[in-house]
PDB file of all heavy atoms in Angstrom:
ATOM      1  N   ALA A   1       7.074 -19.464  95.395  1.00  0.00           N
ATOM      2  CA  ALA A   1       6.773 -18.635  96.552  1.00  0.00           C
ATOM      3  C   ALA A   1       8.019 -18.397  97.398  1.00  0.00           C
ATOM      4  O   ALA A   1       8.285 -17.283  97.852  1.00  0.00           O
ATOM      5  CB  ALA A   1       5.673 -19.295  97.398  1.00  0.00           C
ATOM      6  N   MET A   2       8.795 -19.488  97.614  1.00  0.00           N
ATOM      7  CA  MET A   2      10.002 -19.341  98.435  1.00  0.00           C
ATOM      8  C   MET A   2      11.040 -18.480  97.727  1.00  0.00           C
ATOM      9  O   MET A   2      11.760 -17.683  98.371  1.00  0.00           O
ATOM     10  CB  MET A   2      10.585 -20.724  98.705  1.00  0.00           C
ATOM     11  CG  MET A   2       9.697 -21.580  99.621  1.00  0.00           C
ATOM     12  SD  MET A   2       9.317 -20.781 101.208  1.00  0.00           S
ATOM     13  CE  MET A   2      10.963 -20.606 101.890  1.00  0.00           C
ATOM     14  N   LYS A   3      11.133 -18.608  96.406  1.00  0.00           N
ATOM     15  CA  LYS A   3      12.094 -17.806  95.638  1.00  0.00           C
ATOM     16  C   LYS A   3      11.776 -16.323  95.795  1.00  0.00           C
ATOM     17  O   LYS A   3      12.679 -15.504  96.060  1.00  0.00           O
ATOM     18  CB  LYS A   3      12.070 -18.214  94.167  1.00  0.00           C
ATOM     19  CG  LYS A   3      13.028 -17.447  93.291  1.00  0.00           C
ATOM     20  CD  LYS A   3      12.944 -17.913  91.851  1.00  0.00           C
ATOM     21  CE  LYS A   3      13.880 -17.099  90.950  1.00  0.00           C
ATOM     22  NZ  LYS A   3      13.802 -17.559  89.536  1.00  0.00           N
ATOM     23  N   GLN A   4      10.513 -15.973  95.599  1.00  0.00           N
ATOM     24  CA  GLN A   4      10.122 -14.580  95.743  1.00  0.00           C
ATOM     25  C   GLN A   4      10.287 -14.099  97.182  1.00  0.00           C
ATOM     26  O   GLN A   4      10.657 -12.959  97.449  1.00  0.00           O
ATOM     27  CB  GLN A   4       8.675 -14.379  95.295  1.00  0.00           C
ATOM     28  CG  GLN A   4       8.436 -14.642  93.824  1.00  0.00           C
ATOM     29  CD  GLN A   4       9.235 -13.686  92.939  1.00  0.00           C
ATOM     30  OE1 GLN A   4       9.541 -12.568  93.345  1.00  0.00           O
ATOM     31  NE2 GLN A   4       9.579 -14.127  91.744  1.00  0.00           N
ATOM     32  N   SER A   5      10.038 -15.009  98.120  1.00  0.00           N
ATOM     33  CA  SER A   5      10.197 -14.641  99.531  1.00  0.00           C
ATOM     34  C   SER A   5      11.662 -14.365  99.874  1.00  0.00           C
ATOM     35  O   SER A   5      11.956 -13.440 100.634  1.00  0.00           O
ATOM     36  CB  SER A   5       9.671 -15.781 100.427  1.00  0.00           C
ATOM     37  OG  SER A   5       9.826 -15.472 101.785  1.00  0.00           O
ATOM     38  N   VAL A   6      12.577 -15.164  99.295  1.00  0.00           N
ATOM     39  CA  VAL A   6      14.010 -14.944  99.531  1.00  0.00           C
ATOM     40  C   VAL A   6      14.431 -13.597  98.946  1.00  0.00           C
ATOM     41  O   VAL A   6      15.193 -12.859  99.573  1.00  0.00           O
ATOM     42  CB  VAL A   6      14.829 -16.098  98.909  1.00  0.00           C
ATOM     43  CG1 VAL A   6      16.316 -15.738  98.890  1.00  0.00           C
ATOM     44  CG2 VAL A   6      14.600 -17.385  99.687  1.00  0.00           C
ATOM     45  N   VAL A   7      13.921 -13.284  97.723  1.00  0.00           N
ATOM     46  CA  VAL A   7      14.271 -12.010  97.115  1.00  0.00           C
ATOM     47  C   VAL A   7      13.783 -10.863  97.992  1.00  0.00           C
ATOM     48  O   VAL A   7      14.520  -9.888  98.248  1.00  0.00           O
ATOM     49  CB  VAL A   7      13.647 -11.899  95.698  1.00  0.00           C
ATOM     50  CG1 VAL A   7      13.839 -10.496  95.135  1.00  0.00           C
ATOM     51  CG2 VAL A   7      14.260 -12.937  94.773  1.00  0.00           C
ATOM     52  N   ALA A   8      12.523 -10.945  98.449  1.00  0.00           N
ATOM     53  CA  ALA A   8      11.971  -9.892  99.304  1.00  0.00           C
ATOM     54  C   ALA A   8      12.746  -9.789 100.608  1.00  0.00           C
ATOM     55  O   ALA A   8      13.032  -8.701 101.103  1.00  0.00           O
ATOM     56  CB  ALA A   8      10.497 -10.180  99.586  1.00  0.00           C
ATOM     57  N   SER A   9      13.108 -10.970 101.182  1.00  0.00           N
ATOM     58  CA  SER A   9      13.847 -10.975 102.440  1.00  0.00           C
ATOM     59  C   SER A   9      15.238 -10.356 102.251  1.00  0.00           C
ATOM     60  O   SER A   9      15.709  -9.606 103.111  1.00  0.00           O
ATOM     61  CB  SER A   9      13.965 -12.390 102.957  1.00  0.00           C
ATOM     62  OG  SER A   9      14.710 -12.424 104.155  1.00  0.00           O
ATOM     63  N   ASP A  10      15.887 -10.688 101.137  1.00  0.00           N
ATOM     64  CA  ASP A  10      17.197 -10.107 100.870  1.00  0.00           C
ATOM     65  C   ASP A  10      17.145  -8.601 100.744  1.00  0.00           C
ATOM     66  O   ASP A  10      17.965  -7.874 101.295  1.00  0.00           O
ATOM     67  CB  ASP A  10      17.812 -10.712  99.581  1.00  0.00           C
ATOM     68  CG  ASP A  10      18.235 -12.170  99.775  1.00  0.00           C
ATOM     69  OD1 ASP A  10      18.360 -12.585 100.949  1.00  0.00           O
ATOM     70  OD2 ASP A  10      18.441 -12.859  98.767  1.00  0.00           O
ATOM     71  N   GLN A  11      16.152  -8.114  99.980  1.00  0.00           N
ATOM     72  CA  GLN A  11      16.028  -6.665  99.806  1.00  0.00           C
ATOM     73  C   GLN A  11      15.740  -5.990 101.127  1.00  0.00           C
ATOM     74  O   GLN A  11      16.348  -4.953 101.472  1.00  0.00           O
ATOM     75  CB  GLN A  11      14.894  -6.373  98.815  1.00  0.00           C
ATOM     76  CG  GLN A  11      15.163  -6.793  97.387  1.00  0.00           C
ATOM     77  CD  GLN A  11      16.260  -5.954  96.769  1.00  0.00           C
ATOM     78  OE1 GLN A  11      16.492  -4.811  97.134  1.00  0.00           O
ATOM     79  NE2 GLN A  11      16.975  -6.535  95.806  1.00  0.00           N
ATOM     80  N   ALA A  12      14.821  -6.572 101.907  1.00  0.00           N
ATOM     81  CA  ALA A  12      14.517  -5.967 103.196  1.00  0.00           C
ATOM     82  C   ALA A  12      15.702  -6.062 104.146  1.00  0.00           C
ATOM     83  O   ALA A  12      15.985  -5.131 104.924  1.00  0.00           O
ATOM     84  CB  ALA A  12      13.302  -6.675 103.816  1.00  0.00           C
ATOM     85  N   GLY A  13      16.421  -7.188 104.095  1.00  0.00           N
ATOM     86  CA  GLY A  13      17.558  -7.366 104.979  1.00  0.00           C
ATOM     87  C   GLY A  13      18.685  -6.370 104.725  1.00  0.00           C
ATOM     88  O   GLY A  13      19.303  -5.859 105.661  1.00  0.00           O
ATOM     89  N   ILE A  14      18.946  -6.126 103.432  1.00  0.00           N
ATOM     90  CA  ILE A  14      20.022  -5.177 103.081  1.00  0.00           C
ATOM     91  C   ILE A  14      19.743  -3.800 103.718  1.00  0.00           C
ATOM     92  O   ILE A  14      20.593  -3.209 104.373  1.00  0.00           O
ATOM     93  CB  ILE A  14      20.160  -5.056 101.550  1.00  0.00           C
ATOM     94  CG1 ILE A  14      20.714  -6.363 100.978  1.00  0.00           C
ATOM     95  CG2 ILE A  14      21.048  -3.889 101.188  1.00  0.00           C
ATOM     96  CD1 ILE A  14      20.704  -6.414  99.466  1.00  0.00           C
ATOM     97  N   TRP A  15      18.547  -3.323 103.488  1.00  0.00           N
ATOM     98  CA  TRP A  15      18.213  -1.995 103.974  1.00  0.00           C
ATOM     99  C   TRP A  15      17.973  -1.967 105.472  1.00  0.00           C
ATOM    100  O   TRP A  15      18.221  -0.958 106.149  1.00  0.00           O
ATOM    101  CB  TRP A  15      17.025  -1.447 103.201  1.00  0.00           C
ATOM    102  CG  TRP A  15      17.381  -1.258 101.750  1.00  0.00           C
ATOM    103  CD1 TRP A  15      16.964  -2.016 100.695  1.00  0.00           C
ATOM    104  CD2 TRP A  15      18.251  -0.256 101.201  1.00  0.00           C
ATOM    105  NE1 TRP A  15      17.513  -1.552  99.539  1.00  0.00           N
ATOM    106  CE2 TRP A  15      18.316  -0.477  99.801  1.00  0.00           C
ATOM    107  CE3 TRP A  15      19.000   0.791 101.748  1.00  0.00           C
ATOM    108  CZ2 TRP A  15      19.077   0.297  98.966  1.00  0.00           C
ATOM    109  CZ3 TRP A  15      19.773   1.571 100.903  1.00  0.00           C
ATOM    110  CH2 TRP A  15      19.799   1.340  99.543  1.00  0.00           C
ATOM    111  N   SER A  16      17.471  -3.057 106.017  1.00  0.00           N
ATOM    112  CA  SER A  16      17.281  -3.128 107.484  1.00  0.00           C
ATOM    113  C   SER A  16      18.628  -3.043 108.185  1.00  0.00           C
ATOM    114  O   SER A  16      18.764  -2.353 109.227  1.00  0.00           O
ATOM    115  CB  SER A  16      16.557  -4.429 107.862  1.00  0.00           C
ATOM    116  OG  SER A  16      15.245  -4.426 107.411  1.00  0.00           O
ATOM    117  N   ASN A  17      19.630  -3.738 107.655  1.00  0.00           N
ATOM    118  CA  ASN A  17      20.958  -3.675 108.255  1.00  0.00           C
ATOM    119  C   ASN A  17      21.575  -2.287 108.081  1.00  0.00           C
ATOM    120  O   ASN A  17      22.292  -1.806 108.989  1.00  0.00           O
ATOM    121  CB  ASN A  17      21.862  -4.739 107.641  1.00  0.00           C
ATOM    122  CG  ASN A  17      21.507  -6.135 108.078  1.00  0.00           C
ATOM    123  OD1 ASN A  17      21.104  -6.358 109.227  1.00  0.00           O
ATOM    124  ND2 ASN A  17      21.612  -7.106 107.195  1.00  0.00           N
ATOM    125  N   ALA A  18      21.308  -1.675 106.926  1.00  0.00           N
ATOM    126  CA  ALA A  18      21.815  -0.300 106.732  1.00  0.00           C
ATOM    127  C   ALA A  18      21.179   0.652 107.734  1.00  0.00           C
ATOM    128  O   ALA A  18      21.848   1.517 108.318  1.00  0.00           O
ATOM    129  CB  ALA A  18      21.518   0.157 105.305  1.00  0.00           C
ATOM    130  N   ILE A  19      19.855   0.475 107.970  1.00  0.00           N
ATOM    131  CA  ILE A  19      19.152   1.305 108.930  1.00  0.00           C
ATOM    132  C   ILE A  19      19.698   1.065 110.344  1.00  0.00           C
ATOM    133  O   ILE A  19      19.899   2.006 111.143  1.00  0.00           O
ATOM    134  CB  ILE A  19      17.637   1.011 108.873  1.00  0.00           C
ATOM    135  CG1 ILE A  19      17.065   1.526 107.548  1.00  0.00           C
ATOM    136  CG2 ILE A  19      16.909   1.644 110.050  1.00  0.00           C
ATOM    137  CD1 ILE A  19      15.660   1.074 107.277  1.00  0.00           C
ATOM    138  N   LYS A  20      19.947  -0.217 110.657  1.00  0.00           N
ATOM    139  CA  LYS A  20      20.520  -0.541 111.984  1.00  0.00           C
ATOM    140  C   LYS A  20      21.875   0.128 112.179  1.00  0.00           C
ATOM    141  O   LYS A  20      22.197   0.658 113.256  1.00  0.00           O
ATOM    142  CB  LYS A  20      20.634  -2.065 112.122  1.00  0.00           C
ATOM    143  CG  LYS A  20      21.180  -2.512 113.446  1.00  0.00           C
ATOM    144  CD  LYS A  20      21.265  -4.035 113.527  1.00  0.00           C
ATOM    145  CE  LYS A  20      21.857  -4.501 114.838  1.00  0.00           C
ATOM    146  NZ  LYS A  20      21.941  -5.986 114.911  1.00  0.00           N
ATOM    147  N   PHE A  21      22.747   0.078 111.115  1.00  0.00           N
ATOM    148  CA  PHE A  21      24.065   0.689 111.207  1.00  0.00           C
ATOM    149  C   PHE A  21      23.952   2.207 111.446  1.00  0.00           C
ATOM    150  O   PHE A  21      24.653   2.757 112.287  1.00  0.00           O
ATOM    151  CB  PHE A  21      24.844   0.429 109.930  1.00  0.00           C
ATOM    152  CG  PHE A  21      26.124   1.217 109.830  1.00  0.00           C
ATOM    153  CD1 PHE A  21      27.259   0.833 110.541  1.00  0.00           C
ATOM    154  CD2 PHE A  21      26.197   2.366 109.045  1.00  0.00           C
ATOM    155  CE1 PHE A  21      28.419   1.574 110.485  1.00  0.00           C
ATOM    156  CE2 PHE A  21      27.353   3.109 108.963  1.00  0.00           C
ATOM    157  CZ  PHE A  21      28.482   2.737 109.685  1.00  0.00           C
ATOM    158  N   VAL A  22      23.053   2.851 110.695  1.00  0.00           N
ATOM    159  CA  VAL A  22      22.887   4.296 110.843  1.00  0.00           C
ATOM    160  C   VAL A  22      22.410   4.620 112.241  1.00  0.00           C
ATOM    161  O   VAL A  22      22.893   5.601 112.893  1.00  0.00           O
ATOM    162  CB  VAL A  22      21.925   4.851 109.783  1.00  0.00           C
ATOM    163  CG1 VAL A  22      21.579   6.311 110.077  1.00  0.00           C
ATOM    164  CG2 VAL A  22      22.531   4.723 108.405  1.00  0.00           C
ATOM    165  N   ARG A  23      21.449   3.836 112.750  1.00  0.00           N
ATOM    166  CA  ARG A  23      20.938   4.115 114.093  1.00  0.00           C
ATOM    167  C   ARG A  23      22.019   3.964 115.157  1.00  0.00           C
ATOM    168  O   ARG A  23      22.133   4.809 116.057  1.00  0.00           O
ATOM    169  CB  ARG A  23      19.777   3.163 114.394  1.00  0.00           C
ATOM    170  CG  ARG A  23      19.135   3.363 115.752  1.00  0.00           C
ATOM    171  CD  ARG A  23      17.849   2.570 115.878  1.00  0.00           C
ATOM    172  NE  ARG A  23      18.059   1.159 115.558  1.00  0.00           N
ATOM    173  CZ  ARG A  23      18.581   0.265 116.415  1.00  0.00           C
ATOM    174  NH1 ARG A  23      18.936   0.650 117.636  1.00  0.00           N
ATOM    175  NH2 ARG A  23      18.714  -0.992 116.074  1.00  0.00           N
ATOM    176  N   MET A  24      22.832   2.892 115.052  1.00  0.00           N
ATOM    177  CA  MET A  24      23.920   2.716 116.012  1.00  0.00           C
ATOM    178  C   MET A  24      24.975   3.800 115.873  1.00  0.00           C
ATOM    179  O   MET A  24      25.542   4.263 116.880  1.00  0.00           O
ATOM    180  CB  MET A  24      24.556   1.335 115.817  1.00  0.00           C
ATOM    181  CG  MET A  24      23.592   0.173 116.054  1.00  0.00           C
ATOM    182  SD  MET A  24      22.852   0.181 117.705  1.00  0.00           S
ATOM    183  CE  MET A  24      24.313  -0.097 118.715  1.00  0.00           C
ATOM    184  N   ALA A  25      25.221   4.221 114.620  1.00  0.00           N
ATOM    185  CA  ALA A  25      26.205   5.287 114.390  1.00  0.00           C
ATOM    186  C   ALA A  25      25.734   6.592 115.043  1.00  0.00           C
ATOM    187  O   ALA A  25      26.553   7.331 115.633  1.00  0.00           O
ATOM    188  CB  ALA A  25      26.437   5.488 112.912  1.00  0.00           C
TER     189      ALA A  25
END
């Protein structure tokens, strides 16, 4: 469960940070 949660968190984190960068830009 934790392994899958980390994978999901990593995927969400990558794109969340990209979205944050675009918004600030």
